[in-house]
Amino acid sequence: DNEEIKEGLFGKIQLLDNQEVRLVVGDARFNLSCPRPLPIASVSFVQHSIFLYD
């Protein structure tokens, strides 16, 4: 899968071509669910928090 990545201090959000969204922190990976596709512009990191918004 091709992916776009937004990185923060402690992890990153991967937005995959198949519309999966994944949070990666160290060696841990968490698949995130979203009711509809999420454009890369709607992901932001603010200090130690990750916000997904429309």
C-alpha atoms as a PDB file:
ATOM      1  CA  ASP A   1       0.000   0.000   0.000  1.00  0.00           C
ATOM      2  CA  ASN A   2       1.104   3.527  -0.702  1.00  0.00           C
ATOM      3  CA  GLU A   3       0.640   5.730   2.297  1.00  0.00           C
ATOM      4  CA  GLU A   4       0.719   9.306   3.454  1.00  0.00           C
ATOM      5  CA  ILE A   5       2.187   9.942   6.884  1.00  0.00           C
ATOM      6  CA  LYS A   6       1.770  12.670   9.466  1.00  0.00           C
ATOM      7  CA  GLU A   7       4.359  12.439  12.246  1.00  0.00           C
ATOM      8  CA  GLY A   8       4.293  13.815  15.770  1.00  0.00           C
ATOM      9  CA  LEU A   9       6.626  13.632  18.763  1.00  0.00           C
ATOM     10  CA  PHE A  10       5.668  10.109  19.840  1.00  0.00           C
ATOM     11  CA  GLY A  11       4.055   8.482  16.844  1.00  0.00           C
ATOM     12  CA  LYS A  12       2.600   8.818  13.407  1.00  0.00           C
ATOM     13  CA  ILE A  13      -0.682   8.440  11.561  1.00  0.00           C
ATOM     14  CA  GLN A  14      -0.592   6.436   8.332  1.00  0.00           C
ATOM     15  CA  LEU A  15      -3.343   6.990   5.758  1.00  0.00           C
ATOM     16  CA  LEU A  16      -3.218   4.013   3.403  1.00  0.00           C
ATOM     17  CA  ASP A  17      -4.498   3.835  -0.188  1.00  0.00           C
ATOM     18  CA  ASN A  18      -7.219   1.391   0.880  1.00  0.00           C
ATOM     19  CA  GLN A  19      -8.613   4.112   3.220  1.00  0.00           C
ATOM     20  CA  GLU A  20      -7.272   2.403   6.371  1.00  0.00           C
ATOM     21  CA  VAL A  21      -6.001   4.761   9.037  1.00  0.00           C
ATOM     22  CA  ARG A  22      -3.290   3.449  11.354  1.00  0.00           C
ATOM     23  CA  LEU A  23      -1.694   4.946  14.475  1.00  0.00           C
ATOM     24  CA  VAL A  24       1.909   3.818  14.999  1.00  0.00           C
ATOM     25  CA  VAL A  25       3.610   4.435  18.355  1.00  0.00           C
ATOM     26  CA  GLY A  26       6.985   2.731  18.688  1.00  0.00           C
ATOM     27  CA  ASP A  27       6.482  -0.925  17.720  1.00  0.00           C
ATOM     28  CA  ALA A  28       2.722  -0.805  18.416  1.00  0.00           C
ATOM     29  CA  ARG A  29       0.212  -0.381  15.573  1.00  0.00           C
ATOM     30  CA  PHE A  30      -3.432   0.509  16.061  1.00  0.00           C
ATOM     31  CA  ASN A  31      -5.963   0.422  13.232  1.00  0.00           C
ATOM     32  CA  LEU A  32      -8.345   3.348  13.583  1.00  0.00           C
ATOM     33  CA  SER A  33     -11.873   3.291  12.266  1.00  0.00           C
ATOM     34  CA  CYS A  34     -13.583   6.203  10.596  1.00  0.00           C
ATOM     35  CA  PRO A  35     -17.123   6.282   9.169  1.00  0.00           C
ATOM     36  CA  ARG A  36     -15.843   7.715   5.871  1.00  0.00           C
ATOM     37  CA  PRO A  37     -12.504   8.311   4.100  1.00  0.00           C
ATOM     38  CA  LEU A  38     -10.284  10.794   5.895  1.00  0.00           C
ATOM     39  CA  PRO A  39      -8.142  13.244   3.868  1.00  0.00           C
ATOM     40  CA  ILE A  40      -4.587  13.844   5.099  1.00  0.00           C
ATOM     41  CA  ALA A  41      -5.406  17.531   5.708  1.00  0.00           C
ATOM     42  CA  SER A  42      -7.795  16.577   8.504  1.00  0.00           C
ATOM     43  CA  VAL A  43      -5.120  14.956  10.682  1.00  0.00           C
ATOM     44  CA  SER A  44      -3.109  17.151  13.011  1.00  0.00           C
ATOM     45  CA  PHE A  45      -0.780  16.745  15.957  1.00  0.00           C
ATOM     46  CA  VAL A  46      -0.973  19.268  18.786  1.00  0.00           C
ATOM     47  CA  GLN A  47       1.710  18.751  21.445  1.00  0.00           C
ATOM     48  CA  HIS A  48       1.117  15.182  22.711  1.00  0.00           C
ATOM     49  CA  SER A  49      -2.388  14.731  21.291  1.00  0.00           C
ATOM     50  CA  ILE A  50      -3.644  13.522  17.936  1.00  0.00           C
ATOM     51  CA  PHE A  51      -6.832  15.007  16.538  1.00  0.00           C
ATOM     52  CA  LEU A  52      -8.870  13.651  13.637  1.00  0.00           C
ATOM     53  CA  TYR A  53     -11.520  16.095  12.449  1.00  0.00           C
ATOM     54  CA  ASP A  54     -13.682  17.078   9.471  1.00  0.00           C
END
